[in-house]
Amino acid sequence: MGDRMSNQFSEFIEKKDQAITDSTAVLTEKKPPIVHELDRNILKLLVKEGPVTRSKLVTLTGIARSTLYDSLLRLILKGYVARYSEDRKQRGRPKVFYQVMQ
C-alpha cells in the first residue's frame, strides 16, 4: 500500500511540474498576430487614450457594444490588453477599464 501511494504521489508531482513548465512556456512565447483590422484600430485607440471604459470606447468609435466586447476579448486572450476594475465607494457596479499591456 505504501509503494502504491508513493508512486501516485510521484506521478502527481511530475504532472504538476509539467503543468508549470507548460505555463511558463506559454507566458514567455511571442504574442499571436492581430488578424482583425478592428482589433488593430481598438489597440491603437487604447494606446492613444490610455485606460478607458467600454462605454467610452463605444462613444469614441461608434461601434456596437457587443462588437467592441468581442474585439476586446480577442485582444485580452492574445495578451495585448488587460482589464481591471476600479473600487467604488458607492453602490453599483464598478467601472471596468481596458488598457494596453506593457
Foldseek 3Di string as FASTA:
>chain_A
DVVVVVVVVVVVVVVVVVVVVVVVVVVPDDFDDDDDPVLVVVLVVQVVPPKDFLVVVCVVPVDDSVVSVVSLVVCVVRQQKDKDFDDDPDDDDTTIIIHGDD
